[in-house]
């Protein structure tokens, strides 16, 4: 079961509306990459924890490299990863400069099939 707490919140679209109760997900602890790799290895995997950490670390490095190169990365059941740009407008295309107008690059994750119905399993 997913851990949660109940939080009273305002409606951000209507500041005058009464607060309502919402569920807020809570986690019991943080699982770092080493513990996650150890967990993967405990499922009868032929690789050791150190091998899994190395593969996950390399996957992150390669994903970053490919996202910055303009690639969308599709990882099956894990989902899709892509970049979106938060920027301000310029008066014209000729006036546009990424150094001035781009405020932030965001990594977007679109859940794969195995992550789309978590509520049914929670």
Protein backbone atom coordinates (compact mmCIF):
# COMPACT_ATOMS: atom_id res chain seq x y z
CA UNK A 1 0.00 0.00 0.00
CA UNK A 2 1.22 3.50 -0.81
CA UNK A 3 1.81 5.61 2.29
CA UNK A 4 -0.02 8.91 2.36
CA UNK A 5 -1.15 11.73 4.60
CA UNK A 6 -4.14 14.02 4.30
CA UNK A 7 -3.34 17.69 3.65
CA UNK A 8 -5.71 20.67 3.55
CA UNK A 9 -4.95 22.81 0.47
CA UNK A 10 -6.26 25.90 -1.27
CA UNK A 11 -7.41 25.75 -4.85
CA UNK A 12 -4.58 27.48 -6.79
CA UNK A 13 -7.08 28.57 -9.45
CA UNK A 14 -9.48 30.12 -6.91
CA UNK A 15 -7.81 31.76 -3.90
CA UNK A 16 -11.20 32.50 -2.29
CA UNK A 17 -12.41 28.90 -2.39
CA UNK A 18 -12.45 26.91 0.84
CA UNK A 19 -9.57 24.52 1.51
CA UNK A 20 -10.19 20.87 0.68
CA UNK A 21 -8.58 17.65 1.90
CA UNK A 22 -6.19 15.92 -0.50
CA UNK A 23 -4.00 12.83 -0.23
CA UNK A 24 -0.28 13.49 -0.34
CA UNK A 25 2.11 10.58 -1.04
CA UNK A 26 4.68 9.92 1.68
CA UNK A 27 7.75 7.73 1.54
CA UNK A 28 9.10 5.76 4.47
CA UNK A 29 12.74 6.02 3.40
CA UNK A 30 14.98 6.89 0.47
CA UNK A 31 16.48 4.00 -1.48
CA UNK A 32 19.81 5.07 -2.98
CA UNK A 33 21.31 3.57 -6.13
CA UNK A 34 23.35 1.01 -4.15
CA UNK A 35 20.35 -0.34 -2.25
CA UNK A 36 18.27 -0.34 -5.43
CA UNK A 37 21.00 -2.30 -7.25
CA UNK A 38 21.19 -4.70 -4.30
CA UNK A 39 17.43 -5.20 -4.52
CA UNK A 40 17.66 -5.92 -8.26
CA UNK A 41 20.48 -8.43 -7.63
CA UNK A 42 18.35 -10.17 -4.98
CA UNK A 43 15.81 -11.19 -7.65
CA UNK A 44 18.05 -13.98 -8.95
CA UNK A 45 20.00 -11.72 -11.28
CA UNK A 46 23.33 -13.04 -12.60
CA UNK A 47 24.92 -9.62 -12.07
CA UNK A 48 26.36 -8.39 -8.79
CA UNK A 49 25.35 -5.13 -7.11
CA UNK A 50 28.48 -3.35 -8.36
CA UNK A 51 27.73 -4.37 -11.96
CA UNK A 52 24.15 -3.11 -11.70
CA UNK A 53 25.29 0.21 -10.18
CA UNK A 54 27.76 0.61 -13.05
CA UNK A 55 25.06 -0.11 -15.66
CA UNK A 56 22.56 2.28 -14.04
CA UNK A 57 25.21 5.00 -13.75
CA UNK A 58 26.19 4.54 -17.39
CA UNK A 59 22.51 4.59 -18.40
CA UNK A 60 22.09 7.97 -16.70
CA UNK A 61 25.21 9.37 -18.36
CA UNK A 62 24.13 8.11 -21.79
CA UNK A 63 20.53 9.32 -21.36
CA UNK A 64 21.80 12.80 -20.48
CA UNK A 65 24.11 12.80 -23.50
CA UNK A 66 21.39 11.67 -25.89
CA UNK A 67 18.71 14.01 -24.51
CA UNK A 68 21.07 16.96 -24.97
CA UNK A 69 21.70 15.74 -28.54
CA UNK A 70 17.97 16.04 -29.26
CA UNK A 71 16.96 12.41 -28.93
CA UNK A 72 13.75 11.09 -27.36
CA UNK A 73 14.53 7.91 -25.47
CA UNK A 74 11.96 5.11 -25.33
CA UNK A 75 12.65 2.48 -22.67
CA UNK A 76 9.70 0.13 -23.13
CA UNK A 77 7.76 -0.47 -19.91
CA UNK A 78 9.84 2.15 -18.10
CA UNK A 79 8.54 4.86 -20.41
CA UNK A 80 9.75 7.68 -22.62
CA UNK A 81 12.18 10.48 -21.74
CA UNK A 82 12.42 13.77 -23.62
CA UNK A 83 13.44 17.41 -23.15
CA UNK A 84 11.12 20.40 -23.00
CA UNK A 85 12.25 24.02 -22.98
CA UNK A 86 11.03 26.75 -20.64
CA UNK A 87 11.75 30.05 -22.37
CA UNK A 88 10.63 33.64 -22.67
CA UNK A 89 9.61 35.17 -25.97
CA UNK A 90 11.68 37.39 -28.22
CA UNK A 91 10.26 40.12 -30.43
CA UNK A 92 11.26 38.17 -33.55
CA UNK A 93 13.11 35.02 -34.61
CA UNK A 94 16.10 37.18 -35.49
CA UNK A 95 16.15 38.60 -31.93
CA UNK A 96 15.95 35.16 -30.31
CA UNK A 97 19.04 34.02 -28.42
CA UNK A 98 19.07 30.78 -26.39
CA UNK A 99 21.54 32.33 -23.93
CA UNK A 100 19.01 35.07 -23.15
CA UNK A 101 15.62 33.49 -23.73
CA UNK A 102 15.98 29.86 -22.53
CA UNK A 103 15.28 29.75 -18.81
CA UNK A 104 15.33 26.02 -18.11
CA UNK A 105 15.51 22.61 -19.76
CA UNK A 106 13.18 20.04 -18.24
CA UNK A 107 13.38 16.27 -18.53
CA UNK A 108 9.93 14.82 -19.18
CA UNK A 109 8.98 11.26 -18.33
CA UNK A 110 5.94 9.64 -19.89
CA UNK A 111 5.10 6.51 -17.97
CA UNK A 112 5.35 3.19 -19.75
CA UNK A 113 2.65 0.53 -19.59
CA UNK A 114 3.86 -0.99 -16.30
CA UNK A 115 3.63 2.38 -14.55
CA UNK A 116 0.28 3.59 -15.90
CA UNK A 117 -1.96 1.59 -13.56
CA UNK A 118 -0.15 1.83 -10.24
CA UNK A 119 -3.36 2.76 -8.44
CA UNK A 120 -4.86 -0.66 -9.18
CA UNK A 121 -1.90 -2.36 -7.48
CA UNK A 122 -1.46 0.06 -4.57
